PDB file of N, CA and C in Angstrom:
ATOM      1  N   MET A   1     -14.241  -5.789-106.221  1.00  0.00           N
ATOM      2  CA  MET A   1     -13.899  -6.303-104.798  1.00  0.00           C
ATOM      3  C   MET A   1     -13.761  -6.072-103.757  1.00  0.00           C
ATOM      4  N   GLU A   2     -14.458  -6.492-102.657  1.00  0.00           N
ATOM      5  CA  GLU A   2     -14.506  -5.885-101.386  1.00  0.00           C
ATOM      6  C   GLU A   2     -13.089  -5.615-100.661  1.00  0.00           C
ATOM      7  N   LYS A   3     -12.715  -4.821 -99.920  1.00  0.00           N
ATOM      8  CA  LYS A   3     -11.726  -5.392 -99.362  1.00  0.00           C
ATOM      9  C   LYS A   3     -11.615  -5.677 -98.002  1.00  0.00           C
ATOM     10  N   THR A   4     -10.831  -6.745 -97.344  1.00  0.00           N
ATOM     11  CA  THR A   4     -11.175  -6.881 -96.046  1.00  0.00           C
ATOM     12  C   THR A   4      -9.552  -6.997 -95.034  1.00  0.00           C
ATOM     13  N   TYR A   5     -10.549  -6.658 -93.813  1.00  0.00           N
ATOM     14  CA  TYR A   5      -9.532  -6.243 -92.987  1.00  0.00           C
ATOM     15  C   TYR A   5      -9.249  -7.465 -91.911  1.00  0.00           C
ATOM     16  N   THR A   6      -8.230  -7.617 -91.427  1.00  0.00           N
ATOM     17  CA  THR A   6      -7.541  -8.212 -90.402  1.00  0.00           C
ATOM     18  C   THR A   6      -8.650  -7.389 -88.891  1.00  0.00           C
ATOM     19  N   TRP A   7      -8.619  -8.358 -88.230  1.00  0.00           N
ATOM     20  CA  TRP A   7      -9.267  -8.110 -86.781  1.00  0.00           C
ATOM     21  C   TRP A   7      -8.757  -8.601 -85.762  1.00  0.00           C
ATOM     22  N   ASP A   8      -8.177  -7.513 -84.930  1.00  0.00           N
ATOM     23  CA  ASP A   8      -7.171  -7.964 -83.558  1.00  0.00           C
ATOM     24  C   ASP A   8      -7.866  -7.286 -82.422  1.00  0.00           C
ATOM     25  N   MET A   9      -8.217  -8.389 -81.653  1.00  0.00           N
ATOM     26  CA  MET A   9      -8.874  -7.710 -80.222  1.00  0.00           C
ATOM     27  C   MET A   9      -8.098  -6.942 -79.600  1.00  0.00           C
ATOM     28  N   ALA A  10      -6.557  -6.805 -79.941  1.00  0.00           N
ATOM     29  CA  ALA A  10      -5.630  -6.296 -79.616  1.00  0.00           C
ATOM     30  C   ALA A  10      -6.042  -4.719 -79.922  1.00  0.00           C
ATOM     31  N   ASP A  11      -6.543  -4.583 -80.806  1.00  0.00           N
ATOM     32  CA  ASP A  11      -6.327  -3.168 -81.373  1.00  0.00           C
ATOM     33  C   ASP A  11      -7.864  -2.365 -80.763  1.00  0.00           C
ATOM     34  N   HIS A  12      -8.217  -2.794 -79.929  1.00  0.00           N
ATOM     35  CA  HIS A  12     -10.071  -2.486 -79.191  1.00  0.00           C
ATOM     36  C   HIS A  12      -9.926  -2.467 -77.681  1.00  0.00           C
ATOM     37  N   ILE A  13      -8.470  -2.949 -77.312  1.00  0.00           N
ATOM     38  CA  ILE A  13      -8.496  -2.810 -75.810  1.00  0.00           C
ATOM     39  C   ILE A  13      -8.233  -1.514 -75.542  1.00  0.00           C
ATOM     40  N   GLN A  14      -8.616  -0.279 -75.244  1.00  0.00           N
ATOM     41  CA  GLN A  14      -8.642   0.645 -74.980  1.00  0.00           C
ATOM     42  C   GLN A  14      -8.405   1.220 -73.373  1.00  0.00           C
ATOM     43  N   THR A  15      -9.048   0.854 -72.614  1.00  0.00           N
ATOM     44  CA  THR A  15      -8.885   1.507 -70.902  1.00  0.00           C
ATOM     45  C   THR A  15      -8.746   0.180 -70.203  1.00  0.00           C
ATOM     46  N   LYS A  16      -8.612   0.793 -69.122  1.00  0.00           N
ATOM     47  CA  LYS A  16      -8.645  -0.544 -67.588  1.00  0.00           C
ATOM     48  C   LYS A  16      -9.792  -0.899 -67.757  1.00  0.00           C
ATOM     49  N   GLU A  17     -10.785  -0.228 -68.086  1.00  0.00           N
ATOM     50  CA  GLU A  17     -11.799  -0.864 -67.642  1.00  0.00           C
ATOM     51  C   GLU A  17     -12.185  -2.400 -68.487  1.00  0.00           C
ATOM     52  N   ALA A  18     -11.467  -1.951 -69.781  1.00  0.00           N
ATOM     53  CA  ALA A  18     -12.102  -2.614 -70.747  1.00  0.00           C
ATOM     54  C   ALA A  18     -10.786  -4.093 -70.522  1.00  0.00           C
ATOM     55  N   VAL A  19      -9.796  -4.110 -70.243  1.00  0.00           N
ATOM     56  CA  VAL A  19      -9.269  -4.723 -69.944  1.00  0.00           C
ATOM     57  C   VAL A  19      -9.606  -5.709 -68.537  1.00  0.00           C
ATOM     58  N   ILE A  20     -10.328  -5.508 -67.479  1.00  0.00           N
ATOM     59  CA  ILE A  20     -10.652  -5.794 -66.859  1.00  0.00           C
ATOM     60  C   ILE A  20     -11.682  -6.794 -66.718  1.00  0.00           C
ATOM     61  N   GLU A  21     -12.577  -5.945 -67.826  1.00  0.00           N
ATOM     62  CA  GLU A  21     -14.117  -7.013 -68.189  1.00  0.00           C
ATOM     63  C   GLU A  21     -13.690  -7.731 -69.096  1.00  0.00           C
ATOM     64  N   TYR A  22     -12.750  -8.116 -69.829  1.00  0.00           N
ATOM     65  CA  TYR A  22     -12.248  -9.159 -70.644  1.00  0.00           C
ATOM     66  C   TYR A  22     -11.490  -9.655 -70.382  1.00  0.00           C
ATOM     67  N   LEU A  23     -10.566  -9.600 -69.131  1.00  0.00           N
ATOM     68  CA  LEU A  23     -10.008 -10.702 -67.937  1.00  0.00           C
ATOM     69  C   LEU A  23     -11.345 -11.457 -67.354  1.00  0.00           C
ATOM     70  N   GLU A  24     -12.175 -10.286 -66.655  1.00  0.00           N
ATOM     71  CA  GLU A  24     -13.252 -11.461 -66.243  1.00  0.00           C
ATOM     72  C   GLU A  24     -14.234 -12.193 -66.831  1.00  0.00           C
ATOM     73  N   ALA A  25     -14.264 -11.672 -68.164  1.00  0.00           N
ATOM     74  CA  ALA A  25     -14.877 -12.782 -69.086  1.00  0.00           C
ATOM     75  C   ALA A  25     -14.453 -14.027 -69.304  1.00  0.00           C
ATOM     76  N   ALA A  26     -12.754 -13.857 -69.552  1.00  0.00           N
ATOM     77  CA  ALA A  26     -12.393 -15.319 -69.453  1.00  0.00           C
ATOM     78  C   ALA A  26     -12.383 -15.822 -68.332  1.00  0.00           C
ATOM     79  N   ILE A  27     -11.910 -15.631 -67.459  1.00  0.00           N
ATOM     80  CA  ILE A  27     -11.794 -16.413 -66.281  1.00  0.00           C
ATOM     81  C   ILE A  27     -13.011 -17.034 -66.145  1.00  0.00           C
ATOM     82  N   GLU A  28     -14.086 -15.954 -65.966  1.00  0.00           N
ATOM     83  CA  GLU A  28     -15.768 -17.025 -65.905  1.00  0.00           C
ATOM     84  C   GLU A  28     -15.959 -18.033 -67.110  1.00  0.00           C
ATOM     85  N   GLU A  29     -15.113 -18.088 -67.591  1.00  0.00           N
ATOM     86  CA  GLU A  29     -15.443 -19.708 -68.994  1.00  0.00           C
ATOM     87  C   GLU A  29     -14.329 -20.504 -68.461  1.00  0.00           C
ATOM     88  N   HIS A  30     -13.630 -20.228 -67.699  1.00  0.00           N
ATOM     89  CA  HIS A  30     -12.655 -21.610 -67.062  1.00  0.00           C
ATOM     90  C   HIS A  30     -12.405 -22.210 -67.675  1.00  0.00           C
ATOM     91  N   ASP A  31     -11.573 -21.838 -68.522  1.00  0.00           N
ATOM     92  CA  ASP A  31     -11.198 -22.340 -70.034  1.00  0.00           C
ATOM     93  C   ASP A  31      -9.511 -21.277 -70.262  1.00  0.00           C
ATOM     94  N   THR A  32      -8.110 -22.182 -70.084  1.00  0.00           N
ATOM     95  CA  THR A  32      -7.140 -21.764 -69.486  1.00  0.00           C
ATOM     96  C   THR A  32      -6.732 -21.266 -71.422  1.00  0.00           C
ATOM     97  N   GLU A  33      -7.106 -21.740 -71.995  1.00  0.00           N
ATOM     98  CA  GLU A  33      -6.658 -21.638 -73.583  1.00  0.00           C
ATOM     99  C   GLU A  33      -7.199 -20.461 -73.781  1.00  0.00           C
ATOM    100  N   LEU A  34      -8.687 -20.303 -73.524  1.00  0.00           N
ATOM    101  CA  LEU A  34      -8.992 -18.626 -73.641  1.00  0.00           C
ATOM    102  C   LEU A  34      -8.397 -17.709 -72.889  1.00  0.00           C
ATOM    103  N   LEU A  35      -8.020 -18.097 -71.788  1.00  0.00           N
ATOM    104  CA  LEU A  35      -7.095 -17.122 -70.741  1.00  0.00           C
ATOM    105  C   LEU A  35      -6.296 -16.453 -71.729  1.00  0.00           C
ATOM    106  N   LEU A  36      -5.465 -17.556 -72.150  1.00  0.00           N
ATOM    107  CA  LEU A  36      -3.625 -17.430 -72.404  1.00  0.00           C
ATOM    108  C   LEU A  36      -4.198 -16.361 -73.759  1.00  0.00           C
ATOM    109  N   GLU A  37      -5.013 -16.788 -74.587  1.00  0.00           N
ATOM    110  CA  GLU A  37      -5.337 -16.199 -75.297  1.00  0.00           C
ATOM    111  C   GLU A  37      -5.396 -15.094 -74.936  1.00  0.00           C
ATOM    112  N   VAL A  38      -6.963 -14.415 -74.260  1.00  0.00           N
ATOM    113  CA  VAL A  38      -7.253 -13.064 -73.639  1.00  0.00           C
ATOM    114  C   VAL A  38      -5.462 -12.376 -73.143  1.00  0.00           C
ATOM    115  N   ILE A  39      -4.834 -12.864 -72.596  1.00  0.00           N
ATOM    116  CA  ILE A  39      -3.861 -12.386 -72.037  1.00  0.00           C
ATOM    117  C   ILE A  39      -2.935 -11.861 -73.102  1.00  0.00           C
ATOM    118  N   GLY A  40      -2.517 -12.273 -73.963  1.00  0.00           N
ATOM    119  CA  GLY A  40      -1.613 -12.351 -75.385  1.00  0.00           C
ATOM    120  C   GLY A  40      -2.622 -10.949 -76.074  1.00  0.00           C
ATOM    121  N   ASP A  41      -4.046 -10.781 -76.322  1.00  0.00           N
ATOM    122  CA  ASP A  41      -4.384  -9.762 -76.618  1.00  0.00           C
ATOM    123  C   ASP A  41      -4.131  -8.414 -75.935  1.00  0.00           C
ATOM    124  N   ILE A  42      -4.487  -8.326 -74.504  1.00  0.00           N
ATOM    125  CA  ILE A  42      -3.668  -7.467 -73.711  1.00  0.00           C
ATOM    126  C   ILE A  42      -2.480  -7.169 -73.972  1.00  0.00           C
ATOM    127  N   ALA A  43      -1.527  -8.172 -73.741  1.00  0.00           N
ATOM    128  CA  ALA A  43      -0.296  -7.653 -74.055  1.00  0.00           C
ATOM    129  C   ALA A  43       0.274  -6.831 -75.558  1.00  0.00           C
ATOM    130  N   ARG A  44      -0.202  -7.566 -76.308  1.00  0.00           N
ATOM    131  CA  ARG A  44       0.068  -7.137 -77.791  1.00  0.00           C
ATOM    132  C   ARG A  44      -1.039  -5.423 -77.657  1.00  0.00           C
ATOM    133  N   SER A  45      -2.022  -5.162 -76.767  1.00  0.00           N
ATOM    134  CA  SER A  45      -2.463  -3.718 -77.004  1.00  0.00           C
ATOM    135  C   SER A  45      -1.738  -2.732 -76.234  1.00  0.00           C
ATOM    136  N   GLU A  46      -0.469  -3.175 -75.467  1.00  0.00           N
ATOM    137  CA  GLU A  46       0.106  -3.152 -74.849  1.00  0.00           C
ATOM    138  C   GLU A  46       1.670  -2.766 -75.372  1.00  0.00           C
ATOM    139  N   GLY A  47       1.708  -3.715 -76.005  1.00  0.00           N
ATOM    140  CA  GLY A  47       3.582  -3.650 -76.342  1.00  0.00           C
ATOM    141  C   GLY A  47       4.166  -4.989 -75.613  1.00  0.00           C
ATOM    142  N   MET A  48       3.601  -5.784 -77.140  1.00  0.00           N
ATOM    143  CA  MET A  48       4.736  -7.070 -76.595  1.00  0.00           C
ATOM    144  C   MET A  48       6.060  -7.055 -76.072  1.00  0.00           C
ATOM    145  N   ALA A  49       6.526  -5.972 -76.940  1.00  0.00           N
ATOM    146  CA  ALA A  49       8.130  -5.685 -76.797  1.00  0.00           C
ATOM    147  C   ALA A  49       8.591  -5.069 -75.658  1.00  0.00           C
ATOM    148  N   LYS A  50       7.601  -4.421 -74.839  1.00  0.00           N
ATOM    149  CA  LYS A  50       7.592  -3.616 -73.615  1.00  0.00           C
ATOM    150  C   LYS A  50       7.462  -4.278 -72.595  1.00  0.00           C
ATOM    151  N   ILE A  51       6.257  -5.147 -72.599  1.00  0.00           N
ATOM    152  CA  ILE A  51       5.478  -6.378 -71.719  1.00  0.00           C
ATOM    153  C   ILE A  51       7.180  -7.184 -71.433  1.00  0.00           C
ATOM    154  N   ALA A  52       7.560  -7.977 -72.193  1.00  0.00           N
ATOM    155  CA  ALA A  52       8.710  -8.789 -72.591  1.00  0.00           C
ATOM    156  C   ALA A  52      10.068  -8.039 -71.510  1.00  0.00           C
ATOM    157  N   ASP A  53      10.109  -6.915 -71.982  1.00  0.00           N
ATOM    158  CA  ASP A  53      11.530  -6.208 -71.103  1.00  0.00           C
ATOM    159  C   ASP A  53      11.277  -6.005 -70.003  1.00  0.00           C
ATOM    160  N   GLU A  54       9.805  -6.280 -69.175  1.00  0.00           N
ATOM    161  CA  GLU A  54      10.040  -5.419 -67.956  1.00  0.00           C
ATOM    162  C   GLU A  54       9.713  -6.750 -67.372  1.00  0.00           C
ATOM    163  N   ALA A  55       8.965  -8.066 -68.058  1.00  0.00           N
ATOM    164  CA  ALA A  55       8.989  -9.328 -67.568  1.00  0.00           C
ATOM    165  C   ALA A  55      10.370 -10.067 -66.783  1.00  0.00           C
ATOM    166  N   GLY A  56      11.255  -9.325 -67.831  1.00  0.00           N
ATOM    167  CA  GLY A  56      12.679 -10.383 -67.784  1.00  0.00           C
ATOM    168  C   GLY A  56      12.758 -11.193 -68.910  1.00  0.00           C
ATOM    169  N   GLY A  57      12.052 -11.178 -70.033  1.00  0.00           N
ATOM    170  CA  GLY A  57      12.092 -12.450 -70.774  1.00  0.00           C
ATOM    171  C   GLY A  57      12.223 -11.663 -72.169  1.00  0.00           C
ATOM    172  N   ASN A  58      11.325 -12.667 -73.119  1.00  0.00           N
ATOM    173  CA  ASN A  58      11.364 -12.434 -74.572  1.00  0.00           C
ATOM    174  C   ASN A  58       9.906 -12.495 -74.555  1.00  0.00           C
ATOM    175  N   ARG A  59      10.141 -12.105 -75.794  1.00  0.00           N
ATOM    176  CA  ARG A  59       8.331 -12.251 -76.661  1.00  0.00           C
ATOM    177  C   ARG A  59       8.163 -13.482 -76.772  1.00  0.00           C
ATOM    178  N   GLU A  60       9.079 -14.290 -77.303  1.00  0.00           N
ATOM    179  CA  GLU A  60       8.748 -15.584 -77.881  1.00  0.00           C
ATOM    180  C   GLU A  60       7.968 -16.437 -76.384  1.00  0.00           C
ATOM    181  N   ARG A  61       8.953 -16.010 -75.452  1.00  0.00           N
ATOM    182  CA  ARG A  61       8.018 -16.702 -74.181  1.00  0.00           C
ATOM    183  C   ARG A  61       7.392 -16.346 -73.751  1.00  0.00           C
ATOM    184  N   LEU A  62       7.102 -15.637 -73.973  1.00  0.00           N
ATOM    185  CA  LEU A  62       5.543 -14.953 -73.087  1.00  0.00           C
ATOM    186  C   LEU A  62       4.417 -14.988 -73.753  1.00  0.00           C
ATOM    187  N   SER A  63       4.561 -15.257 -75.441  1.00  0.00           N
ATOM    188  CA  SER A  63       3.455 -15.515 -76.223  1.00  0.00           C
ATOM    189  C   SER A  63       2.501 -16.082 -75.703  1.00  0.00           C
ATOM    190  N   PRO A  64       1.533 -16.571 -75.970  1.00  0.00           N
ATOM    191  CA  PRO A  64       0.398 -17.149 -75.691  1.00  0.00           C
ATOM    192  C   PRO A  64       0.514 -18.883 -76.851  1.00  0.00           C
ATOM    193  N   SER A  65       0.838 -18.102 -77.744  1.00  0.00           N
ATOM    194  CA  SER A  65       0.839 -19.480 -79.005  1.00  0.00           C
ATOM    195  C   SER A  65       2.195 -20.434 -79.081  1.00  0.00           C
ATOM    196  N   ARG A  66       2.828 -19.907 -77.737  1.00  0.00           N
ATOM    197  CA  ARG A  66       4.284 -20.953 -77.241  1.00  0.00           C
ATOM    198  C   ARG A  66       3.571 -22.070 -77.019  1.00  0.00           C
ATOM    199  N   SER A  67       4.453 -23.360 -76.814  1.00  0.00           N
ATOM    200  CA  SER A  67       3.895 -24.194 -76.370  1.00  0.00           C
ATOM    201  C   SER A  67       3.019 -24.023 -74.756  1.00  0.00           C
ATOM    202  N   ARG A  68       2.070 -24.149 -74.991  1.00  0.00           N
ATOM    203  CA  ARG A  68       1.344 -24.199 -73.983  1.00  0.00           C
ATOM    204  C   ARG A  68       1.635 -24.756 -72.333  1.00  0.00           C
ATOM    205  N   GLU A  69       2.037 -26.192 -72.861  1.00  0.00           N
ATOM    206  CA  GLU A  69       3.144 -26.261 -71.371  1.00  0.00           C
ATOM    207  C   GLU A  69       3.988 -25.889 -70.699  1.00  0.00           C
ATOM    208  N   GLU A  70       4.581 -24.712 -71.381  1.00  0.00           N
ATOM    209  CA  GLU A  70       5.617 -23.850 -71.430  1.00  0.00           C
ATOM    210  C   GLU A  70       4.613 -22.015 -70.099  1.00  0.00           C
ATOM    211  N   ASN A  71       3.504 -22.369 -70.706  1.00  0.00           N
ATOM    212  CA  ASN A  71       3.109 -20.541 -70.270  1.00  0.00           C
ATOM    213  C   ASN A  71       1.966 -21.268 -68.902  1.00  0.00           C
ATOM    214  N   ARG A  72       1.346 -22.334 -69.280  1.00  0.00           N
ATOM    215  CA  ARG A  72       0.333 -22.532 -68.508  1.00  0.00           C
ATOM    216  C   ARG A  72       0.500 -22.566 -66.755  1.00  0.00           C
ATOM    217  N   SER A  73       1.401 -22.539 -66.246  1.00  0.00           N
ATOM    218  CA  SER A  73       1.408 -22.007 -64.668  1.00  0.00           C
ATOM    219  C   SER A  73       0.843 -20.807 -64.217  1.00  0.00           C
ATOM    220  N   PHE A  74       0.450 -21.133 -63.358  1.00  0.00           N
ATOM    221  CA  PHE A  74      -0.077 -19.526 -62.959  1.00  0.00           C
ATOM    222  C   PHE A  74       0.614 -18.602 -62.383  1.00  0.00           C
ATOM    223  N   VAL A  75       2.220 -18.969 -61.823  1.00  0.00           N
ATOM    224  CA  VAL A  75       2.690 -18.002 -61.631  1.00  0.00           C
ATOM    225  C   VAL A  75       3.328 -16.920 -63.362  1.00  0.00           C
ATOM    226  N   ALA A  76       3.178 -17.971 -63.947  1.00  0.00           N
ATOM    227  CA  ALA A  76       3.505 -17.226 -65.217  1.00  0.00           C
ATOM    228  C   ALA A  76       2.527 -16.250 -65.518  1.00  0.00           C
ATOM    229  N   ILE A  77       1.541 -16.701 -65.485  1.00  0.00           N
ATOM    230  CA  ILE A  77       0.142 -16.087 -65.881  1.00  0.00           C
ATOM    231  C   ILE A  77       0.136 -14.658 -64.637  1.00  0.00           C
ATOM    232  N   ALA A  78       0.346 -14.781 -63.838  1.00  0.00           N
ATOM    233  CA  ALA A  78      -0.010 -13.637 -62.234  1.00  0.00           C
ATOM    234  C   ALA A  78       1.683 -12.871 -62.301  1.00  0.00           C
ATOM    235  N   HIS A  79       2.592 -13.194 -63.215  1.00  0.00           N
ATOM    236  CA  HIS A  79       3.704 -13.006 -63.563  1.00  0.00           C
ATOM    237  C   HIS A  79       3.310 -11.175 -64.383  1.00  0.00           C
ATOM    238  N   VAL A  80       3.003 -11.763 -65.037  1.00  0.00           N
ATOM    239  CA  VAL A  80       2.569 -11.351 -66.686  1.00  0.00           C
ATOM    240  C   VAL A  80       1.270 -10.226 -66.894  1.00  0.00           C
ATOM    241  N   LEU A  81       0.103 -10.493 -65.777  1.00  0.00           N
ATOM    242  CA  LEU A  81      -0.632 -10.262 -65.597  1.00  0.00           C
ATOM    243  C   LEU A  81      -0.022  -8.277 -64.671  1.00  0.00           C
ATOM    244  N   ASP A  82       1.132  -8.724 -63.542  1.00  0.00           N
ATOM    245  CA  ASP A  82       1.676  -7.938 -62.795  1.00  0.00           C
ATOM    246  C   ASP A  82       2.178  -7.012 -63.622  1.00  0.00           C
ATOM    247  N   VAL A  83       3.116  -7.492 -64.671  1.00  0.00           N
ATOM    248  CA  VAL A  83       3.881  -6.378 -65.356  1.00  0.00           C
ATOM    249  C   VAL A  83       2.703  -5.673 -66.417  1.00  0.00           C
ATOM    250  N   LEU A  84       1.905  -5.888 -66.984  1.00  0.00           N
ATOM    251  CA  LEU A  84       0.490  -5.506 -67.085  1.00  0.00           C
ATOM    252  C   LEU A  84       0.380  -4.359 -66.361  1.00  0.00           C
ATOM    253  N   GLY A  85       0.157  -4.302 -64.993  1.00  0.00           N
ATOM    254  CA  GLY A  85      -0.775  -3.497 -64.318  1.00  0.00           C
ATOM    255  C   GLY A  85      -1.797  -4.156 -63.785  1.00  0.00           C
ATOM    256  N   TYR A  86      -1.613  -5.257 -63.691  1.00  0.00           N
ATOM    257  CA  TYR A  86      -2.950  -6.085 -62.992  1.00  0.00           C
ATOM    258  C   TYR A  86      -2.944  -6.786 -61.462  1.00  0.00           C
ATOM    259  N   ARG A  87      -3.903  -7.324 -60.932  1.00  0.00           N
ATOM    260  CA  ARG A  87      -3.450  -8.386 -59.753  1.00  0.00           C
ATOM    261  C   ARG A  87      -4.271  -9.374 -59.948  1.00  0.00           C
ATOM    262  N   ILE A  88      -4.554 -10.207 -59.518  1.00  0.00           N
ATOM    263  CA  ILE A  88      -5.541 -11.471 -59.383  1.00  0.00           C
ATOM    264  C   ILE A  88      -6.421 -11.418 -58.513  1.00  0.00           C
ATOM    265  N   GLN A  89      -7.400 -10.915 -58.007  1.00  0.00           N
ATOM    266  CA  GLN A  89      -8.281 -11.196 -56.471  1.00  0.00           C
ATOM    267  C   GLN A  89      -9.205 -12.022 -56.784  1.00  0.00           C
ATOM    268  N   VAL A  90      -9.170 -12.466 -55.643  1.00  0.00           N
ATOM    269  CA  VAL A  90     -10.656 -13.603 -55.367  1.00  0.00           C
ATOM    270  C   VAL A  90     -11.831 -12.863 -54.452  1.00  0.00           C
ATOM    271  N   LEU A  91     -12.919 -12.890 -54.861  1.00  0.00           N
ATOM    272  CA  LEU A  91     -13.839 -12.065 -54.379  1.00  0.00           C
ATOM    273  C   LEU A  91     -15.178 -13.291 -54.474  1.00  0.00           C
ATOM    274  N   PRO A  92     -15.700 -13.362 -53.494  1.00  0.00           N
ATOM    275  CA  PRO A  92     -16.917 -14.085 -52.926  1.00  0.00           C
ATOM    276  C   PRO A  92     -17.977 -14.327 -54.558  1.00  0.00           C
ATOM    277  N   LYS A  93     -18.633 -15.557 -54.564  1.00  0.00           N
ATOM    278  CA  LYS A  93     -19.037 -15.324 -55.800  1.00  0.00           C
ATOM    279  C   LYS A  93     -20.637 -14.953 -55.558  1.00  0.00           C
ATOM    280  N   MET A  94     -21.095 -13.959 -56.379  1.00  0.00           N
ATOM    281  CA  MET A  94     -22.716 -13.470 -55.778  1.00  0.00           C
ATOM    282  C   MET A  94     -23.380 -14.896 -56.090  1.00  0.00           C
ATOM    283  N   MET A  95     -24.281 -15.136 -55.009  1.00  0.00           N
ATOM    284  CA  MET A  95     -25.422 -15.784 -55.202  1.00  0.00           C
ATOM    285  C   MET A  95     -26.613 -15.237 -55.519  1.00  0.00           C
TER     286      MET A  95
END
């Protein structure tokens, strides 16, 4: 019998460039649920406990699997990205 392995995106995000590309791709989809999942993947790749400590909260509060209503605010997303070492930037759309 073949052995299967669990695949987790967090295990494959190894550079700041990869984080930026992953975030940009999620933002382009205009899907809040996807963006929350991507931020969760990035946080797990950095170590969720460390991120929670730096954000002044706990793991459960920052987890994208928690109630979507509690995590949906733009401020919360911006704060977690800040703790991860990133910021949101607005650029002109390429035509």
